[in-house]
mmCIF file of all heavy atoms, coordinates in Angstrom:
data_MODEL
# 
_entry.id   MODEL 
# 
loop_
_atom_site.group_PDB 
_atom_site.id 
_atom_site.type_symbol 
_atom_site.label_atom_id 
_atom_site.label_alt_id 
_atom_site.label_comp_id 
_atom_site.label_asym_id 
_atom_site.label_entity_id 
_atom_site.label_seq_id 
_atom_site.pdbx_PDB_ins_code 
_atom_site.Cartn_x 
_atom_site.Cartn_y 
_atom_site.Cartn_z 
_atom_site.occupancy 
_atom_site.B_iso_or_equiv 
_atom_site.pdbx_formal_charge 
_atom_site.auth_seq_id 
_atom_site.auth_comp_id 
_atom_site.auth_asym_id 
_atom_site.auth_atom_id 
_atom_site.pdbx_PDB_model_num 
ATOM 1   N N   . PRO A 1 1  ? -35.269 39.696 73.075 1.00 0.00 ? 1  PRO A N   1 
ATOM 2   C CA  . PRO A 1 1  ? -35.310 39.752 71.592 1.00 0.00 ? 1  PRO A CA  1 
ATOM 3   C C   . PRO A 1 1  ? -34.753 41.098 70.955 1.00 0.00 ? 1  PRO A C   1 
ATOM 4   O O   . PRO A 1 1  ? -34.105 41.099 69.959 1.00 0.00 ? 1  PRO A O   1 
ATOM 5   C CB  . PRO A 1 1  ? -36.843 39.562 71.309 1.00 0.00 ? 1  PRO A CB  1 
ATOM 6   C CG  . PRO A 1 1  ? -37.334 38.761 72.410 1.00 0.00 ? 1  PRO A CG  1 
ATOM 7   C CD  . PRO A 1 1  ? -36.584 39.293 73.631 1.00 0.00 ? 1  PRO A CD  1 
ATOM 8   N N   . ALA A 1 2  ? -34.997 42.215 71.690 1.00 0.00 ? 2  ALA A N   1 
ATOM 9   C CA  . ALA A 1 2  ? -34.556 43.539 71.202 1.00 0.00 ? 2  ALA A CA  1 
ATOM 10  C C   . ALA A 1 2  ? -32.980 43.498 71.329 1.00 0.00 ? 2  ALA A C   1 
ATOM 11  O O   . ALA A 1 2  ? -32.349 44.130 70.518 1.00 0.00 ? 2  ALA A O   1 
ATOM 12  C CB  . ALA A 1 2  ? -35.194 44.645 72.007 1.00 0.00 ? 2  ALA A CB  1 
ATOM 13  N N   . GLN A 1 3  ? -32.443 42.843 72.322 1.00 0.00 ? 3  GLN A N   1 
ATOM 14  C CA  . GLN A 1 3  ? -31.009 42.751 72.479 1.00 0.00 ? 3  GLN A CA  1 
ATOM 15  C C   . GLN A 1 3  ? -30.337 42.045 71.246 1.00 0.00 ? 3  GLN A C   1 
ATOM 16  O O   . GLN A 1 3  ? -29.363 42.393 70.774 1.00 0.00 ? 3  GLN A O   1 
ATOM 17  C CB  . GLN A 1 3  ? -30.621 42.068 73.744 1.00 0.00 ? 3  GLN A CB  1 
ATOM 18  C CG  . GLN A 1 3  ? -29.168 41.951 73.981 1.00 0.00 ? 3  GLN A CG  1 
ATOM 19  C CD  . GLN A 1 3  ? -28.855 41.184 75.293 1.00 0.00 ? 3  GLN A CD  1 
ATOM 20  O OE1 . GLN A 1 3  ? -29.646 41.038 76.108 1.00 0.00 ? 3  GLN A OE1 1 
ATOM 21  N NE2 . GLN A 1 3  ? -27.610 40.753 75.482 1.00 0.00 ? 3  GLN A NE2 1 
ATOM 22  N N   . TRP A 1 4  ? -31.147 40.945 70.815 1.00 0.00 ? 4  TRP A N   1 
ATOM 23  C CA  . TRP A 1 4  ? -30.557 40.278 69.633 1.00 0.00 ? 4  TRP A CA  1 
ATOM 24  C C   . TRP A 1 4  ? -30.647 41.129 68.389 1.00 0.00 ? 4  TRP A C   1 
ATOM 25  O O   . TRP A 1 4  ? -29.701 41.123 67.554 1.00 0.00 ? 4  TRP A O   1 
ATOM 26  C CB  . TRP A 1 4  ? -31.418 39.026 69.433 1.00 0.00 ? 4  TRP A CB  1 
ATOM 27  C CG  . TRP A 1 4  ? -30.979 37.814 70.134 1.00 0.00 ? 4  TRP A CG  1 
ATOM 28  C CD1 . TRP A 1 4  ? -31.563 37.274 71.287 1.00 0.00 ? 4  TRP A CD1 1 
ATOM 29  C CD2 . TRP A 1 4  ? -29.770 37.084 69.901 1.00 0.00 ? 4  TRP A CD2 1 
ATOM 30  N NE1 . TRP A 1 4  ? -30.814 36.208 71.749 1.00 0.00 ? 4  TRP A NE1 1 
ATOM 31  C CE2 . TRP A 1 4  ? -29.743 36.033 70.931 1.00 0.00 ? 4  TRP A CE2 1 
ATOM 32  C CE3 . TRP A 1 4  ? -28.806 37.077 68.963 1.00 0.00 ? 4  TRP A CE3 1 
ATOM 33  C CZ2 . TRP A 1 4  ? -28.690 35.063 70.991 1.00 0.00 ? 4  TRP A CZ2 1 
ATOM 34  C CZ3 . TRP A 1 4  ? -27.802 36.103 69.007 1.00 0.00 ? 4  TRP A CZ3 1 
ATOM 35  C CH2 . TRP A 1 4  ? -27.664 35.141 69.976 1.00 0.00 ? 4  TRP A CH2 1 
ATOM 36  N N   . GLN A 1 5  ? -31.632 41.980 68.257 1.00 0.00 ? 5  GLN A N   1 
ATOM 37  C CA  . GLN A 1 5  ? -31.709 42.845 67.209 1.00 0.00 ? 5  GLN A CA  1 
ATOM 38  C C   . GLN A 1 5  ? -30.475 43.864 67.141 1.00 0.00 ? 5  GLN A C   1 
ATOM 39  O O   . GLN A 1 5  ? -29.981 44.095 66.106 1.00 0.00 ? 5  GLN A O   1 
ATOM 40  C CB  . GLN A 1 5  ? -32.946 43.768 67.190 1.00 0.00 ? 5  GLN A CB  1 
ATOM 41  C CG  . GLN A 1 5  ? -34.240 43.016 66.796 1.00 0.00 ? 5  GLN A CG  1 
ATOM 42  C CD  . GLN A 1 5  ? -35.370 43.948 66.632 1.00 0.00 ? 5  GLN A CD  1 
ATOM 43  O OE1 . GLN A 1 5  ? -35.375 44.895 65.812 1.00 0.00 ? 5  GLN A OE1 1 
ATOM 44  N NE2 . GLN A 1 5  ? -36.446 43.783 67.381 1.00 0.00 ? 5  GLN A NE2 1 
ATOM 45  N N   . ARG A 1 6  ? -30.140 44.301 68.283 1.00 0.00 ? 6  ARG A N   1 
ATOM 46  C CA  . ARG A 1 6  ? -28.972 45.175 68.400 1.00 0.00 ? 6  ARG A CA  1 
ATOM 47  C C   . ARG A 1 6  ? -27.623 44.465 68.001 1.00 0.00 ? 6  ARG A C   1 
ATOM 48  O O   . ARG A 1 6  ? -26.728 45.109 67.553 1.00 0.00 ? 6  ARG A O   1 
ATOM 49  C CB  . ARG A 1 6  ? -28.893 45.844 69.830 1.00 0.00 ? 6  ARG A CB  1 
ATOM 50  C CG  . ARG A 1 6  ? -30.006 46.672 70.208 1.00 0.00 ? 6  ARG A CG  1 
ATOM 51  C CD  . ARG A 1 6  ? -29.691 47.541 71.409 1.00 0.00 ? 6  ARG A CD  1 
ATOM 52  N NE  . ARG A 1 6  ? -29.372 46.726 72.548 1.00 0.00 ? 6  ARG A NE  1 
ATOM 53  C CZ  . ARG A 1 6  ? -30.320 46.278 73.418 1.00 0.00 ? 6  ARG A CZ  1 
ATOM 54  N NH1 . ARG A 1 6  ? -31.632 46.538 73.186 1.00 0.00 ? 6  ARG A NH1 1 
ATOM 55  N NH2 . ARG A 1 6  ? -29.962 45.537 74.519 1.00 0.00 ? 6  ARG A NH2 1 
ATOM 56  N N   . PHE A 1 7  ? -27.623 43.173 68.317 1.00 0.00 ? 7  PHE A N   1 
ATOM 57  C CA  . PHE A 1 7  ? -26.375 42.431 68.056 1.00 0.00 ? 7  PHE A CA  1 
ATOM 58  C C   . PHE A 1 7  ? -26.147 41.952 66.639 1.00 0.00 ? 7  PHE A C   1 
ATOM 59  O O   . PHE A 1 7  ? -25.054 41.929 66.165 1.00 0.00 ? 7  PHE A O   1 
ATOM 60  C CB  . PHE A 1 7  ? -26.362 41.184 68.997 1.00 0.00 ? 7  PHE A CB  1 
ATOM 61  C CG  . PHE A 1 7  ? -25.093 40.413 68.862 1.00 0.00 ? 7  PHE A CG  1 
ATOM 62  C CD1 . PHE A 1 7  ? -23.828 40.905 69.135 1.00 0.00 ? 7  PHE A CD1 1 
ATOM 63  C CD2 . PHE A 1 7  ? -25.126 39.004 68.414 1.00 0.00 ? 7  PHE A CD2 1 
ATOM 64  C CE1 . PHE A 1 7  ? -22.677 40.185 68.977 1.00 0.00 ? 7  PHE A CE1 1 
ATOM 65  C CE2 . PHE A 1 7  ? -24.019 38.289 68.311 1.00 0.00 ? 7  PHE A CE2 1 
ATOM 66  C CZ  . PHE A 1 7  ? -22.765 38.866 68.564 1.00 0.00 ? 7  PHE A CZ  1 
ATOM 67  N N   . VAL A 1 8  ? -27.232 41.627 65.972 1.00 0.00 ? 8  VAL A N   1 
ATOM 68  C CA  . VAL A 1 8  ? -27.163 41.073 64.544 1.00 0.00 ? 8  VAL A CA  1 
ATOM 69  C C   . VAL A 1 8  ? -26.194 41.886 63.648 1.00 0.00 ? 8  VAL A C   1 
ATOM 70  O O   . VAL A 1 8  ? -25.397 41.289 62.960 1.00 0.00 ? 8  VAL A O   1 
ATOM 71  C CB  . VAL A 1 8  ? -28.532 40.949 63.969 1.00 0.00 ? 8  VAL A CB  1 
ATOM 72  C CG1 . VAL A 1 8  ? -28.438 40.672 62.463 1.00 0.00 ? 8  VAL A CG1 1 
ATOM 73  C CG2 . VAL A 1 8  ? -29.286 39.800 64.638 1.00 0.00 ? 8  VAL A CG2 1 
ATOM 74  N N   . PRO A 1 9  ? -26.224 43.181 63.670 1.00 0.00 ? 9  PRO A N   1 
ATOM 75  C CA  . PRO A 1 9  ? -25.308 43.946 62.759 1.00 0.00 ? 9  PRO A CA  1 
ATOM 76  C C   . PRO A 1 9  ? -23.901 43.730 63.007 1.00 0.00 ? 9  PRO A C   1 
ATOM 77  O O   . PRO A 1 9  ? -23.069 44.083 62.183 1.00 0.00 ? 9  PRO A O   1 
ATOM 78  C CB  . PRO A 1 9  ? -25.719 45.427 62.883 1.00 0.00 ? 9  PRO A CB  1 
ATOM 79  C CG  . PRO A 1 9  ? -27.165 45.381 63.386 1.00 0.00 ? 9  PRO A CG  1 
ATOM 80  C CD  . PRO A 1 9  ? -27.210 44.219 64.270 1.00 0.00 ? 9  PRO A CD  1 
ATOM 81  N N   . TYR A 1 10 ? -23.546 43.277 64.259 1.00 0.00 ? 10 TYR A N   1 
ATOM 82  C CA  . TYR A 1 10 ? -22.124 43.071 64.597 1.00 0.00 ? 10 TYR A CA  1 
ATOM 83  C C   . TYR A 1 10 ? -21.663 41.590 64.555 1.00 0.00 ? 10 TYR A C   1 
ATOM 84  O O   . TYR A 1 10 ? -20.555 41.313 65.036 1.00 0.00 ? 10 TYR A O   1 
ATOM 85  C CB  . TYR A 1 10 ? -22.000 43.592 66.076 1.00 0.00 ? 10 TYR A CB  1 
ATOM 86  C CG  . TYR A 1 10 ? -22.329 45.053 66.189 1.00 0.00 ? 10 TYR A CG  1 
ATOM 87  C CD1 . TYR A 1 10 ? -23.623 45.371 66.780 1.00 0.00 ? 10 TYR A CD1 1 
ATOM 88  C CD2 . TYR A 1 10 ? -21.520 46.115 65.794 1.00 0.00 ? 10 TYR A CD2 1 
ATOM 89  C CE1 . TYR A 1 10 ? -23.959 46.704 66.873 1.00 0.00 ? 10 TYR A CE1 1 
ATOM 90  C CE2 . TYR A 1 10 ? -21.857 47.428 65.922 1.00 0.00 ? 10 TYR A CE2 1 
ATOM 91  C CZ  . TYR A 1 10 ? -23.094 47.760 66.468 1.00 0.00 ? 10 TYR A CZ  1 
ATOM 92  O OH  . TYR A 1 10 ? -23.473 49.024 66.637 1.00 0.00 ? 10 TYR A OH  1 
ATOM 93  N N   . LEU A 1 11 ? -22.423 40.741 63.956 1.00 0.00 ? 11 LEU A N   1 
ATOM 94  C CA  . LEU A 1 11 ? -22.112 39.369 63.980 1.00 0.00 ? 11 LEU A CA  1 
ATOM 95  C C   . LEU A 1 11 ? -20.742 39.051 63.401 1.00 0.00 ? 11 LEU A C   1 
ATOM 96  O O   . LEU A 1 11 ? -19.935 38.137 63.799 1.00 0.00 ? 11 LEU A O   1 
ATOM 97  C CB  . LEU A 1 11 ? -23.121 38.448 63.222 1.00 0.00 ? 11 LEU A CB  1 
ATOM 98  C CG  . LEU A 1 11 ? -24.415 38.194 64.005 1.00 0.00 ? 11 LEU A CG  1 
ATOM 99  C CD1 . LEU A 1 11 ? -25.470 37.547 63.064 1.00 0.00 ? 11 LEU A CD1 1 
ATOM 100 C CD2 . LEU A 1 11 ? -24.138 37.368 65.138 1.00 0.00 ? 11 LEU A CD2 1 
ATOM 101 N N   . ASP A 1 12 ? -20.284 39.758 62.401 1.00 0.00 ? 12 ASP A N   1 
ATOM 102 C CA  . ASP A 1 12 ? -18.988 39.536 61.701 1.00 0.00 ? 12 ASP A CA  1 
ATOM 103 C C   . ASP A 1 12 ? -17.944 40.475 62.141 1.00 0.00 ? 12 ASP A C   1 
ATOM 104 O O   . ASP A 1 12 ? -16.887 40.571 61.530 1.00 0.00 ? 12 ASP A O   1 
ATOM 105 C CB  . ASP A 1 12 ? -19.224 39.624 60.157 1.00 0.00 ? 12 ASP A CB  1 
ATOM 106 C CG  . ASP A 1 12 ? -20.165 38.575 59.659 1.00 0.00 ? 12 ASP A CG  1 
ATOM 107 O OD1 . ASP A 1 12 ? -20.049 37.398 60.141 1.00 0.00 ? 12 ASP A OD1 1 
ATOM 108 O OD2 . ASP A 1 12 ? -20.971 38.928 58.742 1.00 0.00 ? 12 ASP A OD2 1 
ATOM 109 N N   . THR A 1 13 ? -18.112 41.205 63.290 1.00 0.00 ? 13 THR A N   1 
ATOM 110 C CA  . THR A 1 13 ? -17.122 42.173 63.738 1.00 0.00 ? 13 THR A CA  1 
ATOM 111 C C   . THR A 1 13 ? -15.863 41.573 64.177 1.00 0.00 ? 13 THR A C   1 
ATOM 112 O O   . THR A 1 13 ? -14.731 41.968 63.690 1.00 0.00 ? 13 THR A O   1 
ATOM 113 C CB  . THR A 1 13 ? -17.762 43.008 64.896 1.00 0.00 ? 13 THR A CB  1 
ATOM 114 O OG1 . THR A 1 13 ? -18.867 43.752 64.398 1.00 0.00 ? 13 THR A OG1 1 
ATOM 115 C CG2 . THR A 1 13 ? -16.697 44.013 65.381 1.00 0.00 ? 13 THR A CG2 1 
ATOM 116 N N   . PRO A 1 14 ? -15.803 40.587 65.054 1.00 0.00 ? 14 PRO A N   1 
ATOM 117 C CA  . PRO A 1 14 ? -14.586 40.127 65.548 1.00 0.00 ? 14 PRO A CA  1 
ATOM 118 C C   . PRO A 1 14 ? -13.746 39.207 64.533 1.00 0.00 ? 14 PRO A C   1 
ATOM 119 O O   . PRO A 1 14 ? -14.364 38.241 64.120 1.00 0.00 ? 14 PRO A O   1 
ATOM 120 C CB  . PRO A 1 14 ? -14.892 39.383 66.847 1.00 0.00 ? 14 PRO A CB  1 
ATOM 121 C CG  . PRO A 1 14 ? -16.299 38.901 66.614 1.00 0.00 ? 14 PRO A CG  1 
ATOM 122 C CD  . PRO A 1 14 ? -16.973 39.930 65.794 1.00 0.00 ? 14 PRO A CD  1 
ATOM 123 N N   . SER A 1 15 ? -12.593 39.509 64.275 1.00 0.00 ? 15 SER A N   1 
ATOM 124 C CA  . SER A 1 15 ? -11.820 38.707 63.344 1.00 0.00 ? 15 SER A CA  1 
ATOM 125 C C   . SER A 1 15 ? -11.410 37.376 64.039 1.00 0.00 ? 15 SER A C   1 
ATOM 126 O O   . SER A 1 15 ? -10.971 36.471 63.319 1.00 0.00 ? 15 SER A O   1 
ATOM 127 C CB  . SER A 1 15 ? -10.513 39.454 62.937 1.00 0.00 ? 15 SER A CB  1 
ATOM 128 O OG  . SER A 1 15 ? -9.745  39.779 64.060 1.00 0.00 ? 15 SER A OG  1 
ATOM 129 N N   . VAL A 1 16 ? -11.601 37.293 65.356 1.00 0.00 ? 16 VAL A N   1 
ATOM 130 C CA  . VAL A 1 16 ? -11.203 36.059 66.097 1.00 0.00 ? 16 VAL A CA  1 
ATOM 131 C C   . VAL A 1 16 ? -12.378 35.086 66.185 1.00 0.00 ? 16 VAL A C   1 
ATOM 132 O O   . VAL A 1 16 ? -12.258 34.115 66.842 1.00 0.00 ? 16 VAL A O   1 
ATOM 133 C CB  . VAL A 1 16 ? -10.749 36.437 67.485 1.00 0.00 ? 16 VAL A CB  1 
ATOM 134 C CG1 . VAL A 1 16 ? -9.315  37.119 67.379 1.00 0.00 ? 16 VAL A CG1 1 
ATOM 135 C CG2 . VAL A 1 16 ? -11.657 37.300 68.260 1.00 0.00 ? 16 VAL A CG2 1 
ATOM 136 N N   . ARG A 1 17 ? -13.482 35.349 65.507 1.00 0.00 ? 17 ARG A N   1 
ATOM 137 C CA  . ARG A 1 17 ? -14.655 34.514 65.609 1.00 0.00 ? 17 ARG A CA  1 
ATOM 138 C C   . ARG A 1 17 ? -14.359 33.116 65.035 1.00 0.00 ? 17 ARG A C   1 
ATOM 139 O O   . ARG A 1 17 ? -13.625 32.933 64.116 1.00 0.00 ? 17 ARG A O   1 
ATOM 140 C CB  . ARG A 1 17 ? -15.806 35.090 64.791 1.00 0.00 ? 17 ARG A CB  1 
ATOM 141 C CG  . ARG A 1 17 ? -17.047 34.196 64.838 1.00 0.00 ? 17 ARG A CG  1 
ATOM 142 C CD  . ARG A 1 17 ? -18.254 34.929 64.067 1.00 0.00 ? 17 ARG A CD  1 
ATOM 143 N NE  . ARG A 1 17 ? -19.381 34.025 64.130 1.00 0.00 ? 17 ARG A NE  1 
ATOM 144 C CZ  . ARG A 1 17 ? -20.547 34.339 63.610 1.00 0.00 ? 17 ARG A CZ  1 
ATOM 145 N NH1 . ARG A 1 17 ? -20.756 35.435 63.009 1.00 0.00 ? 17 ARG A NH1 1 
ATOM 146 N NH2 . ARG A 1 17 ? -21.623 33.456 63.734 1.00 0.00 ? 17 ARG A NH2 1 
ATOM 147 N N   . ILE A 1 18 ? -14.926 32.100 65.759 1.00 0.00 ? 18 ILE A N   1 
ATOM 148 C CA  . ILE A 1 18 ? -14.846 30.705 65.292 1.00 0.00 ? 18 ILE A CA  1 
ATOM 149 C C   . ILE A 1 18 ? -16.229 30.233 64.917 1.00 0.00 ? 18 ILE A C   1 
ATOM 150 O O   . ILE A 1 18 ? -17.184 30.423 65.722 1.00 0.00 ? 18 ILE A O   1 
ATOM 151 C CB  . ILE A 1 18 ? -14.311 29.774 66.430 1.00 0.00 ? 18 ILE A CB  1 
ATOM 152 C CG1 . ILE A 1 18 ? -12.867 30.266 66.891 1.00 0.00 ? 18 ILE A CG1 1 
ATOM 153 C CG2 . ILE A 1 18 ? -14.306 28.395 66.045 1.00 0.00 ? 18 ILE A CG2 1 
ATOM 154 C CD1 . ILE A 1 18 ? -12.386 29.474 68.011 1.00 0.00 ? 18 ILE A CD1 1 
ATOM 155 N N   . GLY A 1 19 ? -16.367 29.563 63.775 1.00 0.00 ? 19 GLY A N   1 
ATOM 156 C CA  . GLY A 1 19 ? -17.589 29.016 63.358 1.00 0.00 ? 19 GLY A CA  1 
ATOM 157 C C   . GLY A 1 19 ? -18.706 29.929 63.000 1.00 0.00 ? 19 GLY A C   1 
ATOM 158 O O   . GLY A 1 19 ? -18.473 31.157 62.945 1.00 0.00 ? 19 GLY A O   1 
ATOM 159 N N   . THR A 1 20 ? -19.850 29.392 62.753 1.00 0.00 ? 20 THR A N   1 
ATOM 160 C CA  . THR A 1 20 ? -21.023 30.255 62.300 1.00 0.00 ? 20 THR A CA  1 
ATOM 161 C C   . THR A 1 20 ? -22.098 30.285 63.305 1.00 0.00 ? 20 THR A C   1 
ATOM 162 O O   . THR A 1 20 ? -23.176 30.958 63.111 1.00 0.00 ? 20 THR A O   1 
ATOM 163 C CB  . THR A 1 20 ? -21.574 29.690 60.950 1.00 0.00 ? 20 THR A CB  1 
ATOM 164 O OG1 . THR A 1 20 ? -22.052 28.336 61.188 1.00 0.00 ? 20 THR A OG1 1 
ATOM 165 C CG2 . THR A 1 20 ? -20.536 29.704 59.819 1.00 0.00 ? 20 THR A CG2 1 
ATOM 166 N N   . GLU A 1 21 ? -21.960 29.532 64.439 1.00 0.00 ? 21 GLU A N   1 
ATOM 167 C CA  . GLU A 1 21 ? -23.044 29.564 65.390 1.00 0.00 ? 21 GLU A CA  1 
ATOM 168 C C   . GLU A 1 21 ? -23.081 30.842 66.243 1.00 0.00 ? 21 GLU A C   1 
ATOM 169 O O   . GLU A 1 21 ? -22.052 31.562 66.327 1.00 0.00 ? 21 GLU A O   1 
ATOM 170 C CB  . GLU A 1 21 ? -22.806 28.389 66.425 1.00 0.00 ? 21 GLU A CB  1 
ATOM 171 C CG  . GLU A 1 21 ? -22.836 26.976 65.803 1.00 0.00 ? 21 GLU A CG  1 
ATOM 172 C CD  . GLU A 1 21 ? -21.454 26.564 65.213 1.00 0.00 ? 21 GLU A CD  1 
ATOM 173 O OE1 . GLU A 1 21 ? -20.531 27.345 65.370 1.00 0.00 ? 21 GLU A OE1 1 
ATOM 174 O OE2 . GLU A 1 21 ? -21.447 25.511 64.696 1.00 0.00 ? 21 GLU A OE2 1 
ATOM 175 N N   . THR A 1 22 ? -24.237 31.136 66.809 1.00 0.00 ? 22 THR A N   1 
ATOM 176 C CA  . THR A 1 22 ? -24.436 32.137 67.727 1.00 0.00 ? 22 THR A CA  1 
ATOM 177 C C   . THR A 1 22 ? -24.930 31.658 69.004 1.00 0.00 ? 22 THR A C   1 
ATOM 178 O O   . THR A 1 22 ? -25.474 30.612 69.093 1.00 0.00 ? 22 THR A O   1 
ATOM 179 C CB  . THR A 1 22 ? -25.340 33.324 67.247 1.00 0.00 ? 22 THR A CB  1 
ATOM 180 O OG1 . THR A 1 22 ? -26.577 32.730 66.839 1.00 0.00 ? 22 THR A OG1 1 
ATOM 181 C CG2 . THR A 1 22 ? -24.772 34.043 66.094 1.00 0.00 ? 22 THR A CG2 1 
ATOM 182 N N   . TYR A 1 23 ? -24.642 32.336 70.167 1.00 0.00 ? 23 TYR A N   1 
ATOM 183 C CA  . TYR A 1 23 ? -24.948 31.854 71.503 1.00 0.00 ? 23 TYR A CA  1 
ATOM 184 C C   . TYR A 1 23 ? -25.726 32.934 72.265 1.00 0.00 ? 23 TYR A C   1 
ATOM 185 O O   . TYR A 1 23 ? -25.407 34.075 72.249 1.00 0.00 ? 23 TYR A O   1 
ATOM 186 C CB  . TYR A 1 23 ? -23.645 31.500 72.235 1.00 0.00 ? 23 TYR A CB  1 
ATOM 187 C CG  . TYR A 1 23 ? -22.865 30.373 71.559 1.00 0.00 ? 23 TYR A CG  1 
ATOM 188 C CD1 . TYR A 1 23 ? -22.006 30.557 70.515 1.00 0.00 ? 23 TYR A CD1 1 
ATOM 189 C CD2 . TYR A 1 23 ? -23.042 29.009 72.028 1.00 0.00 ? 23 TYR A CD2 1 
ATOM 190 C CE1 . TYR A 1 23 ? -21.313 29.567 69.894 1.00 0.00 ? 23 TYR A CE1 1 
ATOM 191 C CE2 . TYR A 1 23 ? -22.338 27.982 71.397 1.00 0.00 ? 23 TYR A CE2 1 
ATOM 192 C CZ  . TYR A 1 23 ? -21.519 28.240 70.360 1.00 0.00 ? 23 TYR A CZ  1 
ATOM 193 O OH  . TYR A 1 23 ? -20.802 27.235 69.766 1.00 0.00 ? 23 TYR A OH  1 
ATOM 194 N N   . GLY A 1 24 ? -26.666 32.383 73.090 1.00 0.00 ? 24 GLY A N   1 
ATOM 195 C CA  . GLY A 1 24 ? -27.360 33.255 74.069 1.00 0.00 ? 24 GLY A CA  1 
ATOM 196 C C   . GLY A 1 24 ? -27.044 32.671 75.406 1.00 0.00 ? 24 GLY A C   1 
ATOM 197 O O   . GLY A 1 24 ? -27.550 31.664 75.789 1.00 0.00 ? 24 GLY A O   1 
ATOM 198 N N   . VAL A 1 25 ? -26.079 33.322 76.105 1.00 0.00 ? 25 VAL A N   1 
ATOM 199 C CA  . VAL A 1 25 ? -25.563 32.728 77.367 1.00 0.00 ? 25 VAL A CA  1 
ATOM 200 C C   . VAL A 1 25 ? -26.134 33.407 78.591 1.00 0.00 ? 25 VAL A C   1 
ATOM 201 O O   . VAL A 1 25 ? -26.224 34.670 78.692 1.00 0.00 ? 25 VAL A O   1 
ATOM 202 C CB  . VAL A 1 25 ? -24.011 32.919 77.396 1.00 0.00 ? 25 VAL A CB  1 
ATOM 203 C CG1 . VAL A 1 25 ? -23.445 32.280 78.639 1.00 0.00 ? 25 VAL A CG1 1 
ATOM 204 C CG2 . VAL A 1 25 ? -23.361 32.294 76.124 1.00 0.00 ? 25 VAL A CG2 1 
ATOM 205 N N   . CYS A 1 26 ? -26.681 32.582 79.529 1.00 0.00 ? 26 CYS A N   1 
ATOM 206 C CA  . CYS A 1 26 ? -27.168 33.087 80.844 1.00 0.00 ? 26 CYS A CA  1 
ATOM 207 C C   . CYS A 1 26 ? -26.097 32.887 81.846 1.00 0.00 ? 26 CYS A C   1 
ATOM 208 O O   . CYS A 1 26 ? -25.708 31.653 82.085 1.00 0.00 ? 26 CYS A O   1 
ATOM 209 C CB  . CYS A 1 26 ? -28.423 32.420 81.212 1.00 0.00 ? 26 CYS A CB  1 
ATOM 210 S SG  . CYS A 1 26 ? -29.838 32.708 80.044 1.00 0.00 ? 26 CYS A SG  1 
ATOM 211 N N   . THR A 1 27 ? -25.642 33.926 82.518 1.00 0.00 ? 27 THR A N   1 
ATOM 212 C CA  . THR A 1 27 ? -24.526 33.759 83.513 1.00 0.00 ? 27 THR A CA  1 
ATOM 213 C C   . THR A 1 27 ? -24.657 34.689 84.615 1.00 0.00 ? 27 THR A C   1 
ATOM 214 O O   . THR A 1 27 ? -25.536 35.624 84.607 1.00 0.00 ? 27 THR A O   1 
ATOM 215 C CB  . THR A 1 27 ? -23.194 33.881 82.846 1.00 0.00 ? 27 THR A CB  1 
ATOM 216 O OG1 . THR A 1 27 ? -22.178 33.544 83.722 1.00 0.00 ? 27 THR A OG1 1 
ATOM 217 C CG2 . THR A 1 27 ? -22.957 35.232 82.245 1.00 0.00 ? 27 THR A CG2 1 
# 
């Protein structure tokens, strides 16, 4: 959850983003 907090301010950073969904990927 703290990792998500760090990421939220950067949601609109990449100009190559597609769509409005966000993903939590385990790999």
